[in-house]
Amino acid sequence: MNEALKIVNLRKDYPLPHGKLCVFKDVNFSLKRNEIAAIMGVSGVGKTTFLNLCGALDRPTKGKILIEGEDINAKDNRQKAEIRNKKIGFIFQFYHLLPEFNAQENVSFPLLISGYSSHEAKKKALDMLKEVSLEDKAFIRVSQLSGGEQQRVAIARSLINEPALLLADEPTGNMDWQTGKKILKLIRELHDRKKLSSIIVTHNEKVARFCDRVYLMDGGDLKLFNHL
């Protein structure tokens, strides 16, 4: 099986006071193993909703989402949480770090949830921080780090459980381009080195150029985009 992620006839509706809002209708998509894909589109088109569905943070109205051949929405909540923890890494635009904890502690939390001992989790977290060139900031509270450094901590946290699928939602959206370019190069380097399968959601063509394939989300559909 050469597909890390396969989506079949995906539909997502949200109820409104009168009727419903259809965000997607019969979307089909596949992500090859070790491929990095960009999902582009204007704000409000549904890119984050799509990523949340891929990451089992939301449930589709209909359709299938298969990660390594496994239908995630056929699972109960406990099984879905386990898949998120072990198979999926998330990188968010606003980092979602715990500001009162240091970098090492933030990166170690997914391992503690997985059942690692505190000693083991902190050791692996320190090793992961070295991979993003932040070992010298391991014991500093993340609230004292720069935006680029906080995003590197978030990247380290997203990869600490060695996921099969990496999902990044506007990972450089609140950075200047020079800092953002460094973050993208780091994501690309780690993607290639760790043989990840990755999706980056963005509205920025410069970001999309770092990816292998680019899709355009528009009007509830997702189409391959060949004009960057």
Protein backbone atom coordinates (compact mmCIF):
# COMPACT_ATOMS: atom_id res chain seq x y z
CA MET A 1 0.00 0.00 0.00
CA ASN A 2 1.55 3.26 -1.17
CA GLU A 3 -1.00 5.63 0.43
CA ALA A 4 -0.49 7.13 3.86
CA LEU A 5 -3.87 8.87 3.70
CA LYS A 6 -6.91 8.17 1.54
CA ILE A 7 -10.16 10.13 1.58
CA VAL A 8 -13.24 8.78 -0.18
CA ASN A 9 -16.41 10.80 -0.92
CA LEU A 10 -15.90 13.15 2.01
CA ARG A 11 -18.76 15.42 2.97
CA LYS A 12 -18.95 17.85 5.88
CA ASP A 13 -22.06 19.81 6.82
CA TYR A 14 -22.62 22.20 9.71
CA PRO A 15 -26.14 22.90 10.99
CA LEU A 16 -27.48 26.44 10.68
CA PRO A 17 -30.57 27.97 12.30
CA HIS A 18 -32.29 27.41 8.96
CA GLY A 19 -30.84 24.52 6.99
CA LYS A 20 -27.15 23.58 6.85
CA LEU A 21 -23.80 24.73 5.49
CA CYS A 22 -22.06 22.24 3.19
CA VAL A 23 -18.28 22.76 3.46
CA PHE A 24 -17.26 19.74 1.33
CA LYS A 25 -19.20 17.50 -0.99
CA ASP A 26 -17.80 14.22 -2.33
CA VAL A 27 -14.13 15.17 -1.93
CA ASN A 28 -11.60 12.48 -2.88
CA PHE A 29 -7.92 12.80 -2.01
CA SER A 30 -4.88 10.62 -1.49
CA LEU A 31 -1.46 11.32 0.00
CA LYS A 32 1.36 9.01 -1.00
CA ARG A 33 3.86 7.75 1.51
CA ASN A 34 6.76 10.18 1.96
CA GLU A 35 4.94 12.88 -0.03
CA ILE A 36 4.39 16.44 1.15
CA ALA A 37 1.26 18.12 -0.20
CA ALA A 38 0.03 21.70 0.10
CA ILE A 39 -3.65 22.56 0.42
CA MET A 40 -4.24 26.13 -0.74
CA GLY A 41 -7.32 28.32 -0.67
CA VAL A 42 -8.64 31.63 0.60
CA SER A 43 -9.52 32.16 4.25
CA GLY A 44 -12.80 30.54 5.27
CA VAL A 45 -12.88 28.01 2.44
CA GLY A 46 -12.51 25.05 4.83
CA LYS A 47 -8.79 24.26 4.90
CA THR A 48 -8.58 23.95 8.69
CA THR A 49 -11.79 21.91 8.77
CA PHE A 50 -10.24 19.54 6.24
CA LEU A 51 -7.11 19.18 8.35
CA ASN A 52 -9.16 18.55 11.49
CA LEU A 53 -11.03 15.79 9.69
CA CYS A 54 -7.77 14.21 8.49
CA GLY A 55 -6.44 14.34 12.04
CA ALA A 56 -9.52 12.79 13.67
CA LEU A 57 -10.29 16.01 15.54
CA ASP A 58 -13.66 16.25 13.79
CA ARG A 59 -16.05 13.73 12.23
CA PRO A 60 -17.30 13.89 8.62
CA THR A 61 -20.97 13.93 7.75
CA LYS A 62 -20.22 11.06 5.37
CA GLY A 63 -17.29 9.44 3.61
CA LYS A 64 -14.18 7.57 4.71
CA ILE A 65 -10.80 8.77 5.98
CA LEU A 66 -8.18 6.03 5.98
CA ILE A 67 -4.76 6.41 7.61
CA GLU A 68 -2.46 3.60 6.51
CA GLY A 69 -5.57 1.71 5.41
CA GLU A 70 -7.39 2.16 8.73
CA ASP A 71 -10.79 3.89 8.72
CA ILE A 72 -10.40 6.32 11.63
CA ASN A 73 -14.10 7.10 11.91
CA ALA A 74 -14.95 3.44 12.40
CA LYS A 75 -13.15 3.70 15.76
CA ASP A 76 -14.52 4.68 19.14
CA ASN A 77 -13.25 7.83 20.90
CA ARG A 78 -10.55 6.00 22.87
CA GLN A 79 -9.21 4.30 19.73
CA LYS A 80 -9.27 7.59 17.81
CA ALA A 81 -7.33 9.31 20.61
CA GLU A 82 -4.74 6.53 20.43
CA ILE A 83 -4.41 6.97 16.65
CA ARG A 84 -3.96 10.74 17.09
CA ASN A 85 -1.27 10.21 19.71
CA LYS A 86 0.69 7.52 17.88
CA LYS A 87 0.16 8.12 14.17
CA ILE A 88 -0.53 11.84 13.69
CA GLY A 89 1.63 14.89 14.39
CA PHE A 90 0.06 18.37 14.42
CA ILE A 91 1.76 21.74 13.85
CA PHE A 92 -0.46 24.77 14.45
CA GLN A 93 -0.08 28.41 13.43
CA PHE A 94 -0.30 29.56 17.05
CA TYR A 95 1.87 26.74 18.46
CA HIS A 96 -0.56 25.60 21.24
CA LEU A 97 2.30 25.24 23.71
CA LEU A 98 1.95 25.43 27.50
CA PRO A 99 3.69 28.75 28.32
CA GLU A 100 4.40 28.00 31.99
CA PHE A 101 6.47 24.90 31.06
CA ASN A 102 9.90 24.77 29.47
CA ALA A 103 10.68 23.48 25.97
CA GLN A 104 11.72 20.01 27.11
CA GLU A 105 8.54 19.58 29.16
CA ASN A 106 6.31 20.70 26.27
CA VAL A 107 7.93 18.22 23.90
CA SER A 108 7.78 15.36 26.41
CA PHE A 109 4.00 15.56 27.10
CA PRO A 110 2.86 13.29 24.21
CA LEU A 111 5.28 10.61 25.43
CA LEU A 112 3.96 10.84 29.00
CA ILE A 113 0.43 10.39 27.62
CA SER A 114 1.69 7.31 25.75
CA GLY A 115 2.95 5.79 29.00
CA TYR A 116 6.66 6.62 28.98
CA SER A 117 8.36 7.25 32.30
CA SER A 118 9.23 10.88 33.08
CA HIS A 119 12.97 10.14 32.78
CA GLU A 120 12.57 8.41 29.41
CA ALA A 121 10.22 11.06 28.04
CA LYS A 122 12.54 13.93 28.99
CA LYS A 123 15.56 12.20 27.47
CA LYS A 124 13.76 11.61 24.16
CA ALA A 125 12.45 15.19 24.24
CA LEU A 126 15.99 16.53 24.63
CA ASP A 127 17.14 14.40 21.67
CA MET A 128 14.26 15.76 19.59
CA LEU A 129 15.10 19.35 20.53
CA LYS A 130 18.62 18.72 19.23
CA GLU A 131 17.10 17.80 15.87
CA VAL A 132 15.49 21.23 15.65
CA SER A 133 18.66 22.97 16.96
CA LEU A 134 17.13 24.02 20.27
CA GLU A 135 19.01 21.92 22.81
CA ASP A 136 20.43 25.10 24.32
CA LYS A 137 16.89 26.37 25.02
CA ALA A 138 15.54 23.11 26.47
CA PHE A 139 15.11 24.42 30.03
CA ILE A 140 13.72 27.85 29.17
CA ARG A 141 10.00 28.53 29.48
CA VAL A 142 8.50 28.65 26.03
CA SER A 143 6.85 32.01 26.82
CA GLN A 144 10.39 33.47 26.83
CA LEU A 145 11.28 32.13 23.38
CA SER A 146 10.89 33.94 20.05
CA GLY A 147 8.07 33.02 17.67
CA GLY A 148 10.41 31.01 15.44
CA GLU A 149 11.82 29.16 18.44
CA GLN A 150 8.34 28.39 19.75
CA GLN A 151 7.38 26.96 16.38
CA ARG A 152 10.48 24.74 16.44
CA VAL A 153 9.42 23.48 19.87
CA ALA A 154 5.98 22.75 18.39
CA ILE A 155 7.59 20.86 15.49
CA ALA A 156 9.68 18.80 17.92
CA ARG A 157 6.55 18.00 19.92
CA SER A 158 4.65 16.99 16.77
CA LEU A 159 7.36 14.47 15.83
CA ILE A 160 8.27 13.06 19.25
CA ASN A 161 6.00 10.00 18.83
CA GLU A 162 7.39 9.31 15.33
CA PRO A 163 4.03 9.75 13.55
CA ALA A 164 3.18 8.40 10.12
CA LEU A 165 1.27 11.55 9.16
CA LEU A 166 2.24 15.19 9.78
CA LEU A 167 -0.47 17.88 9.52
CA ALA A 168 0.57 21.55 9.54
CA ASP A 169 -1.99 24.37 9.66
CA GLU A 170 -0.48 27.66 8.40
CA PRO A 171 2.79 26.86 10.23
CA THR A 172 4.40 30.16 9.19
CA GLY A 173 1.24 32.30 9.11
CA ASN A 174 2.22 34.75 11.86
CA MET A 175 5.95 35.05 11.03
CA ASP A 176 7.96 37.31 8.80
CA TRP A 177 9.01 35.56 5.60
CA GLN A 178 12.68 35.09 6.54
CA THR A 179 11.76 33.31 9.76
CA GLY A 180 8.99 31.42 8.00
CA LYS A 181 11.37 30.21 5.30
CA LYS A 182 13.69 28.74 7.95
CA ILE A 183 10.73 26.91 9.54
CA LEU A 184 9.64 25.53 6.16
CA LYS A 185 13.15 24.33 5.36
CA LEU A 186 13.24 22.60 8.74
CA ILE A 187 9.86 20.92 8.13
CA ARG A 188 11.01 19.81 4.67
CA GLU A 189 14.32 18.47 6.04
CA LEU A 190 12.62 16.53 8.85
CA HIS A 191 9.93 15.28 6.46
CA ASP A 192 12.59 13.84 4.13
CA ARG A 193 14.86 12.49 6.87
CA LYS A 194 12.09 10.80 8.83
CA LYS A 195 10.18 9.66 5.72
CA LEU A 196 6.99 11.38 6.81
CA SER A 197 3.79 11.86 4.84
CA SER A 198 2.77 15.49 5.29
CA ILE A 199 0.07 18.05 4.50
CA ILE A 200 0.64 21.79 4.84
CA VAL A 201 -2.43 24.03 4.75
CA THR A 202 -1.61 27.53 3.50
CA HIS A 203 -2.89 30.50 1.53
CA ASN A 204 0.67 31.44 0.54
CA GLU A 205 2.15 30.33 -2.79
CA LYS A 206 5.70 30.71 -1.40
CA VAL A 207 4.89 28.07 1.20
CA ALA A 208 3.29 25.78 -1.38
CA ARG A 209 6.48 25.77 -3.45
CA PHE A 210 8.20 23.75 -0.69
CA CYS A 211 5.78 20.87 -1.36
CA ASP A 212 5.68 18.00 -3.87
CA ARG A 213 2.06 18.53 -4.95
CA VAL A 214 -0.32 21.45 -4.55
CA TYR A 215 -4.12 21.28 -4.28
CA LEU A 216 -6.60 24.14 -4.49
CA MET A 217 -9.67 24.09 -2.26
CA ASP A 218 -12.57 26.03 -3.73
CA GLY A 219 -16.35 25.71 -3.74
CA GLY A 220 -16.38 22.60 -1.58
CA ASP A 221 -13.97 20.73 -3.85
CA LEU A 222 -10.26 19.91 -3.88
CA LYS A 223 -8.35 19.89 -7.15
CA LEU A 224 -4.74 19.36 -8.16
CA PHE A 225 -3.17 22.73 -8.92
CA ASN A 226 -0.42 22.85 -11.54
CA HIS A 227 0.30 26.55 -12.08
CA LEU A 228 2.72 27.64 -9.30
